[in-house]
Amino acid sequence: MACNRPTVSKALDKLLAYRPSAAKFPIVVSQDCGHAETKATIQRYGQHGVQLIEQPDLGTPKVERGHQSFVGYYKISRHYKWALTQMFDVKHYDAVIIVEDDLEIAPDFFEYMTLGNTLLQRDPTLWCISDHVPSALTQTPLAWNDNGKENYVKDPAALFRSDFFGGLGWLLRKNMWDELRDKWPKSFWDDWIRDNAQRKNRACIRPEVPRTGTFGRIGVSQGQFYDQHLKFIKPSKVSVPFSQHDPSPLTKEIYDPAFITRVYETAELLSASAARERRGDTLQEYRIEYDYASPKSFETLARTLGIMSDWKDGVPRTAYMGVVTFVYHGARYHLAPHRPWTGYKTDHND
């Protein structure tokens, strides 16, 4: 997905360097904006089999009252719908990996997505695979981890289920596109896809160590979030042969019982203040509990521990069954709701 960044070459160079097969993973760049320098950059990759398609409607979209400053988000949503329509309904692909023009992938990115695609076909409770860190039913593989700063991760092979759609490198299958196409929003598509009206209690798969990193400081978000957060999240440098791994442990019927036992029985209960003082217990797992009925309880603890504190449609970033799993001072922690936990409440938002 490209617009006006000639530095798309950095993303394409990594995709070509790590792609195991041109036949299995053809690269199509969809460009919005009509930016000539970016288009020329993309066209130079035609010799490597990279195909350029161009979103034809470059007019200013009609926005809701009070949204004049958000016109960029309307353009992005329009571009996504057009590009996904081209890939699924015109080119008839069964699955599409979506990567933005400012993302740098990890060496095992395609290995991870291959495993994720297998999972999506096997487990109807999933709907996405992410290469960045984001419970019940599964959506899609994600390459991103919102809490993936270098001091908050440690195991390149660790994968988790997540109820939160993280974006920034993800895989979507045709059956999910068929479900989303006709109701695709005019703006803020990523927040829309996080609503349970779309998620329907399905989950994503995310890595502990992200498989993408972003180098795009300037964009519709004006760079503030990049400076404060995104620039500290780096893609894994370690290559894991994910395609050779058995995906069964990530299926809901196996994962959920093991996860509940791990969080609420195996992990030692600890306070946030004690966690801040503890060092060196890298083999131990800990649980810090919060009151889900009080979003302030979670937000205070999250800020104390240095992880993302916001919610979307009642789901904390990266959470599964309300539990946010991360690494802190070298040990793995679970920020978990008090039990019994009865599910997400859509009135819980930042």
Protein backbone atom coordinates (compact mmCIF):
# COMPACT_ATOMS: atom_id res chain seq x y z
CA MET A 1 0.00 0.00 0.00
CA ALA A 2 1.75 3.14 -1.23
CA CYS A 3 1.07 6.84 -1.63
CA ASN A 4 3.74 9.54 -1.65
CA ARG A 5 6.83 7.94 -0.11
CA PRO A 6 9.70 7.30 -2.56
CA THR A 7 11.27 5.45 0.38
CA VAL A 8 8.88 2.62 -0.52
CA SER A 9 12.08 1.24 -2.06
CA LYS A 10 13.25 0.32 1.45
CA ALA A 11 10.13 -1.79 2.00
CA LEU A 12 10.37 -3.40 -1.44
CA ASP A 13 14.06 -4.23 -1.04
CA LYS A 14 13.34 -6.24 2.12
CA LEU A 15 10.31 -7.97 0.59
CA LEU A 16 12.37 -9.07 -2.40
CA ALA A 17 15.37 -10.07 -0.27
CA TYR A 18 13.36 -12.31 2.07
CA ARG A 19 10.69 -13.62 -0.31
CA PRO A 20 11.22 -17.39 -0.73
CA SER A 21 9.25 -17.69 -3.97
CA ALA A 22 8.11 -15.17 -6.57
CA ALA A 23 5.42 -17.59 -7.72
CA LYS A 24 3.99 -18.15 -4.23
CA PHE A 25 4.33 -14.52 -3.12
CA PRO A 26 3.80 -12.16 -6.09
CA ILE A 27 4.20 -8.51 -5.09
CA VAL A 28 1.57 -5.97 -6.15
CA VAL A 29 1.96 -2.32 -5.14
CA SER A 30 -1.26 -0.33 -5.01
CA GLN A 31 -0.56 3.39 -5.20
CA ASP A 32 -2.89 6.20 -4.18
CA CYS A 33 -2.11 9.95 -4.41
CA GLY A 34 -0.66 9.96 -7.94
CA HIS A 35 2.75 11.01 -6.60
CA ALA A 36 5.11 10.95 -9.61
CA GLU A 37 8.40 10.31 -7.80
CA THR A 38 6.93 7.43 -5.82
CA LYS A 39 5.40 5.95 -8.97
CA ALA A 40 8.76 6.12 -10.76
CA THR A 41 10.43 4.38 -7.82
CA ILE A 42 7.88 1.54 -7.89
CA GLN A 43 8.14 1.15 -11.66
CA ARG A 44 11.87 0.51 -11.38
CA TYR A 45 11.01 -2.70 -9.56
CA GLY A 46 9.09 -3.98 -12.55
CA GLN A 47 12.24 -5.80 -13.64
CA HIS A 48 11.85 -7.90 -10.46
CA GLY A 49 8.24 -8.77 -11.26
CA VAL A 50 6.69 -6.14 -8.99
CA GLN A 51 3.34 -5.01 -10.42
CA LEU A 52 1.99 -1.48 -9.96
CA ILE A 53 -1.74 -0.75 -9.83
CA GLU A 54 -3.08 2.77 -9.32
CA GLN A 55 -6.16 3.85 -7.39
CA PRO A 56 -8.01 5.95 -10.00
CA ASP A 57 -10.14 8.26 -7.81
CA LEU A 58 -7.84 11.05 -6.63
CA GLY A 59 -10.64 13.46 -5.76
CA THR A 60 -11.28 14.73 -2.25
CA PRO A 61 -13.76 12.39 -0.55
CA LYS A 62 -16.88 13.74 1.12
CA VAL A 63 -16.35 13.79 4.88
CA GLU A 64 -18.70 13.98 7.83
CA ARG A 65 -19.35 17.31 9.52
CA GLY A 66 -16.39 18.20 11.72
CA HIS A 67 -14.07 15.72 10.00
CA GLN A 68 -12.38 18.15 7.58
CA SER A 69 -9.04 17.66 9.32
CA PHE A 70 -9.39 13.87 8.95
CA VAL A 71 -9.70 13.78 5.17
CA GLY A 72 -6.47 11.75 4.97
CA TYR A 73 -8.13 8.90 6.87
CA TYR A 74 -11.01 8.92 4.38
CA LYS A 75 -8.54 8.64 1.50
CA ILE A 76 -6.75 5.74 3.18
CA SER A 77 -9.98 3.82 3.77
CA ARG A 78 -11.05 4.40 0.16
CA HIS A 79 -7.68 3.16 -1.07
CA TYR A 80 -7.81 0.02 1.06
CA LYS A 81 -11.24 -0.93 -0.22
CA TRP A 82 -10.20 -0.40 -3.83
CA ALA A 83 -6.92 -2.29 -3.45
CA LEU A 84 -8.48 -5.26 -1.66
CA THR A 85 -11.23 -5.37 -4.28
CA GLN A 86 -8.56 -5.58 -6.98
CA MET A 87 -6.69 -8.37 -5.21
CA PHE A 88 -9.65 -10.54 -4.23
CA ASP A 89 -12.39 -9.77 -6.75
CA VAL A 90 -10.39 -8.92 -9.87
CA LYS A 91 -7.18 -10.94 -9.48
CA HIS A 92 -8.97 -13.67 -7.48
CA TYR A 93 -6.33 -14.38 -4.85
CA ASP A 94 -7.37 -16.59 -1.93
CA ALA A 95 -5.20 -14.74 0.60
CA VAL A 96 -3.45 -11.36 0.69
CA ILE A 97 -0.65 -10.08 2.94
CA ILE A 98 -1.06 -6.32 3.45
CA VAL A 99 2.12 -4.29 4.02
CA GLU A 100 2.30 -0.49 4.05
CA ASP A 101 4.98 1.48 2.22
CA ASP A 102 6.81 2.40 5.44
CA LEU A 103 7.20 -1.12 6.86
CA GLU A 104 10.41 -3.09 7.07
CA ILE A 105 9.92 -6.84 7.41
CA ALA A 106 11.88 -9.41 9.42
CA PRO A 107 13.87 -12.20 7.69
CA ASP A 108 11.26 -14.82 8.65
CA PHE A 109 8.22 -12.69 7.75
CA PHE A 110 7.06 -15.06 5.01
CA GLU A 111 7.66 -18.12 7.22
CA TYR A 112 5.42 -16.57 9.86
CA MET A 113 2.69 -15.68 7.37
CA THR A 114 2.78 -19.20 5.92
CA LEU A 115 2.10 -20.64 9.37
CA GLY A 116 -0.63 -18.06 9.89
CA ASN A 117 -2.35 -18.91 6.63
CA THR A 118 -2.44 -22.57 7.66
CA LEU A 119 -4.00 -21.59 10.99
CA LEU A 120 -6.66 -19.42 9.38
CA GLN A 121 -7.81 -22.33 7.25
CA ARG A 122 -7.91 -24.66 10.24
CA ASP A 123 -9.39 -22.55 13.05
CA PRO A 124 -12.68 -20.66 12.44
CA THR A 125 -12.17 -18.70 15.66
CA LEU A 126 -9.30 -16.77 14.03
CA TRP A 127 -9.67 -14.00 11.50
CA CYS A 128 -6.26 -12.33 11.25
CA ILE A 129 -2.52 -12.96 11.43
CA SER A 130 -0.38 -9.97 12.41
CA ASP A 131 3.35 -9.46 12.26
CA HIS A 132 3.02 -6.70 14.84
CA VAL A 133 1.84 -7.45 18.24
CA PRO A 134 -2.31 -6.92 18.79
CA SER A 135 -9.61 -13.85 21.85
CA ALA A 136 -12.20 -16.02 21.24
CA LEU A 137 -12.59 -16.53 17.47
CA THR A 138 -9.53 -15.94 15.28
CA GLN A 139 -9.29 -13.31 12.59
CA THR A 140 -5.92 -12.97 10.89
CA PRO A 141 -2.15 -13.24 11.34
CA LEU A 142 -0.60 -9.96 12.52
CA ALA A 143 3.11 -9.15 12.25
CA TRP A 144 3.01 -6.32 14.78
CA ASN A 145 3.13 -6.15 18.58
CA ASP A 146 1.91 -2.86 20.09
CA ASN A 147 4.00 -3.62 23.19
CA GLY A 148 6.95 -4.81 21.12
CA LYS A 149 9.64 -2.40 22.31
CA GLU A 150 12.98 -4.16 22.65
CA ASN A 151 12.94 -4.26 26.47
CA TYR A 152 9.43 -5.77 26.47
CA VAL A 153 10.09 -8.85 24.32
CA LYS A 154 12.53 -11.76 24.44
CA ASP A 155 11.44 -14.94 22.59
CA PRO A 156 11.47 -14.70 18.76
CA ALA A 157 9.55 -17.98 18.49
CA ALA A 158 6.73 -17.05 20.89
CA LEU A 159 3.28 -16.59 19.34
CA PHE A 160 0.05 -15.61 21.08
CA ARG A 161 -3.63 -15.30 20.38
CA SER A 162 -4.95 -11.75 20.64
CA ASP A 163 -8.39 -10.13 20.58
CA PHE A 164 -6.86 -6.86 19.35
CA PHE A 165 -6.24 -6.09 15.68
CA GLY A 166 -2.82 -4.46 15.54
CA GLY A 167 -2.40 -3.97 11.80
CA LEU A 168 1.01 -2.93 10.42
CA GLY A 169 1.51 -6.11 8.42
CA TRP A 170 -1.31 -8.66 8.34
CA LEU A 171 -2.88 -11.46 6.34
CA LEU A 172 -6.50 -11.54 5.15
CA ARG A 173 -8.29 -14.42 3.45
CA LYS A 174 -11.02 -14.15 0.80
CA ASN A 175 -13.79 -15.45 3.07
CA MET A 176 -13.15 -12.58 5.50
CA TRP A 177 -13.06 -10.04 2.67
CA ASP A 178 -16.44 -11.33 1.47
CA GLU A 179 -17.76 -10.59 4.96
CA LEU A 180 -16.25 -7.10 5.21
CA ARG A 181 -16.46 -5.77 1.65
CA ASP A 182 -19.98 -4.37 1.49
CA LYS A 183 -19.82 -2.65 4.86
CA TRP A 184 -16.28 -1.26 4.54
CA PRO A 185 -16.18 2.16 6.27
CA LYS A 186 -15.51 5.52 4.64
CA SER A 187 -12.84 6.38 7.22
CA PHE A 188 -10.79 5.00 10.12
CA TRP A 189 -10.95 1.44 8.76
CA ASP A 190 -8.52 0.07 11.37
CA ASP A 191 -10.59 1.26 14.34
CA TRP A 192 -13.72 -0.01 12.59
CA ILE A 193 -12.24 -3.47 12.13
CA ARG A 194 -11.50 -3.59 15.87
CA ASP A 195 -15.19 -3.24 16.74
CA ASN A 196 -16.77 -6.48 17.83
CA ALA A 197 -19.46 -5.92 15.19
CA GLN A 198 -16.71 -6.97 12.76
CA ARG A 199 -14.52 -9.05 15.07
CA LYS A 200 -17.44 -11.17 16.30
CA ASN A 201 -15.34 -12.56 19.16
CA ARG A 202 -12.73 -13.86 16.74
CA ALA A 203 -9.03 -13.50 17.47
CA CYS A 204 -5.75 -12.78 15.75
CA ILE A 205 -2.34 -14.40 16.05
CA ARG A 206 0.52 -12.09 17.01
CA PRO A 207 4.24 -12.61 17.68
CA GLU A 208 6.03 -11.56 20.84
CA VAL A 209 8.88 -10.11 18.78
CA PRO A 210 7.40 -8.07 15.90
CA ARG A 211 7.97 -9.14 12.30
CA THR A 212 7.64 -5.58 11.03
CA GLY A 213 8.99 -2.20 12.00
CA THR A 214 7.97 1.18 10.64
CA PHE A 215 10.29 3.89 9.35
CA GLY A 216 7.49 6.27 8.30
CA ARG A 217 7.61 9.16 10.73
CA ILE A 218 5.57 11.58 8.63
CA GLY A 219 2.02 10.60 7.67
CA VAL A 220 -1.58 11.37 8.54
CA SER A 221 -0.76 11.04 12.26
CA GLN A 222 1.87 13.82 11.99
CA GLY A 223 4.74 11.86 13.54
CA GLN A 224 3.99 12.32 17.26
CA PHE A 225 3.01 8.69 17.86
CA TYR A 226 6.07 7.59 15.88
CA ASP A 227 8.46 9.63 18.02
CA GLN A 228 6.90 8.51 21.28
CA HIS A 229 6.33 4.86 20.48
CA LEU A 230 6.66 3.34 17.01
CA LYS A 231 10.32 4.08 16.41
CA PHE A 232 11.26 1.94 19.43
CA ILE A 233 9.61 -1.20 17.99
CA LYS A 234 12.04 -3.14 15.79
CA PRO A 235 11.47 -6.23 13.63
CA SER A 236 13.05 -9.50 14.72
CA LYS A 237 16.57 -10.19 13.49
CA VAL A 238 16.29 -13.91 14.27
CA SER A 239 14.84 -16.24 11.66
CA VAL A 240 12.43 -18.88 13.00
CA PRO A 241 11.28 -21.76 10.71
CA PHE A 242 7.61 -21.16 11.51
CA SER A 243 6.34 -23.07 8.49
CA GLN A 244 7.81 -26.23 10.02
CA HIS A 245 6.01 -25.68 13.35
CA ASP A 246 2.85 -27.50 14.36
CA PRO A 247 0.11 -24.82 14.50
CA SER A 248 -2.18 -26.93 16.73
CA PRO A 249 -1.13 -25.30 20.06
CA LEU A 250 -2.50 -21.98 18.75
CA THR A 251 -5.97 -23.33 17.99
CA LYS A 252 -8.63 -22.21 20.45
CA GLU A 253 -9.49 -25.60 21.90
CA ILE A 254 -5.86 -26.27 22.86
CA TYR A 255 -4.63 -22.73 23.52
CA ASP A 256 -7.37 -21.46 25.84
CA PRO A 257 -7.16 -24.06 28.64
CA ALA A 258 -3.36 -23.92 28.64
CA PHE A 259 -3.40 -20.11 28.65
CA ILE A 260 -5.81 -19.87 31.59
CA THR A 261 -3.71 -22.34 33.58
CA ARG A 262 -0.53 -20.48 32.71
CA VAL A 263 -1.90 -17.09 33.74
CA TYR A 264 -4.02 -17.88 36.79
CA GLU A 265 -2.35 -20.97 38.25
CA THR A 266 1.30 -21.11 37.16
CA ALA A 267 2.18 -17.41 37.19
CA GLU A 268 2.97 -15.95 40.62
CA LEU A 269 0.70 -13.10 41.75
CA LEU A 270 2.66 -9.88 42.21
CA SER A 271 1.92 -6.18 42.68
CA ALA A 272 3.06 -3.60 40.14
CA SER A 273 5.29 -1.93 42.74
CA ALA A 274 6.97 -5.26 43.50
CA ALA A 275 7.42 -5.88 39.77
CA ARG A 276 9.24 -2.58 39.38
CA GLU A 277 11.75 -3.62 42.02
CA ARG A 278 12.26 -7.21 40.86
CA ARG A 279 15.21 -8.10 38.62
CA GLY A 280 16.79 -11.20 37.18
CA ASP A 281 13.94 -13.74 37.42
CA THR A 282 13.98 -14.39 33.69
CA LEU A 283 12.57 -17.92 33.92
CA GLN A 284 9.65 -16.99 36.18
CA GLU A 285 6.21 -15.77 35.07
CA TYR A 286 4.15 -13.29 37.07
CA ARG A 287 0.57 -12.08 37.15
CA ILE A 288 -0.54 -8.57 38.05
CA GLU A 289 -4.30 -8.25 38.41
CA TYR A 290 -6.57 -5.33 37.55
CA ASP A 291 -10.29 -4.60 37.87
CA TYR A 292 -11.81 -4.85 34.39
CA ALA A 293 -14.92 -3.01 35.59
CA SER A 294 -12.68 0.03 36.11
CA PRO A 295 -10.69 0.96 32.97
CA LYS A 296 -8.76 3.39 35.16
CA SER A 297 -7.38 0.40 37.09
CA PHE A 298 -5.87 -1.05 33.92
CA GLU A 299 -4.65 2.27 32.57
CA THR A 300 -2.84 3.17 35.80
CA LEU A 301 -1.06 -0.19 35.96
CA ALA A 302 -0.21 -0.12 32.25
CA ARG A 303 1.39 3.31 32.52
CA THR A 304 3.28 2.23 35.63
CA LEU A 305 4.68 -0.76 33.74
CA GLY A 306 5.37 1.18 30.53
CA ILE A 307 2.97 -0.64 28.20
CA MET A 308 0.14 0.71 26.02
CA SER A 309 -2.79 1.84 28.17
CA ASP A 310 -5.59 2.44 25.68
CA TRP A 311 -8.65 0.32 24.79
CA LYS A 312 -10.67 -0.15 21.61
CA ASP A 313 -14.25 -1.40 21.92
CA GLY A 314 -13.45 -2.71 25.38
CA VAL A 315 -10.25 -4.55 24.37
CA PRO A 316 -6.85 -3.42 25.73
CA ARG A 317 -4.11 -3.44 23.10
CA THR A 318 -2.73 -6.97 22.50
CA ALA A 319 -5.14 -8.50 25.07
CA TYR A 320 -6.51 -12.02 24.93
CA MET A 321 -9.41 -12.81 27.27
CA GLY A 322 -8.57 -9.47 28.90
CA VAL A 323 -4.97 -10.52 29.59
CA VAL A 324 -2.04 -8.47 28.27
CA THR A 325 1.16 -10.54 28.14
CA PHE A 326 4.55 -8.83 27.92
CA VAL A 327 8.15 -8.99 29.13
CA TYR A 328 9.29 -6.75 31.98
CA HIS A 329 12.80 -6.71 33.47
CA GLY A 330 13.48 -9.95 31.60
CA ALA A 331 10.54 -11.94 33.03
CA ARG A 332 7.18 -12.60 31.40
CA TYR A 333 4.19 -10.84 32.97
CA HIS A 334 0.45 -11.15 32.50
CA LEU A 335 -1.63 -8.07 33.31
CA ALA A 336 -4.87 -9.96 33.94
CA PRO A 337 -8.42 -9.12 35.03
CA HIS A 338 -9.69 -10.39 38.35
CA ARG A 339 -11.67 -13.57 38.02
CA PRO A 340 -14.43 -14.28 37.31
CA TRP A 341 -14.16 -12.32 34.06
CA THR A 342 -17.35 -12.23 32.00
CA GLY A 343 -16.07 -10.80 28.72
CA TYR A 344 -15.40 -7.45 27.07
CA LYS A 345 -17.64 -4.44 27.63
CA THR A 346 -17.94 -2.15 24.62
CA ASP A 347 -18.36 0.93 26.82
CA HIS A 348 -14.75 0.50 28.00
CA ASN A 349 -12.70 2.76 25.73
CA ASP A 350 -9.90 5.28 26.03
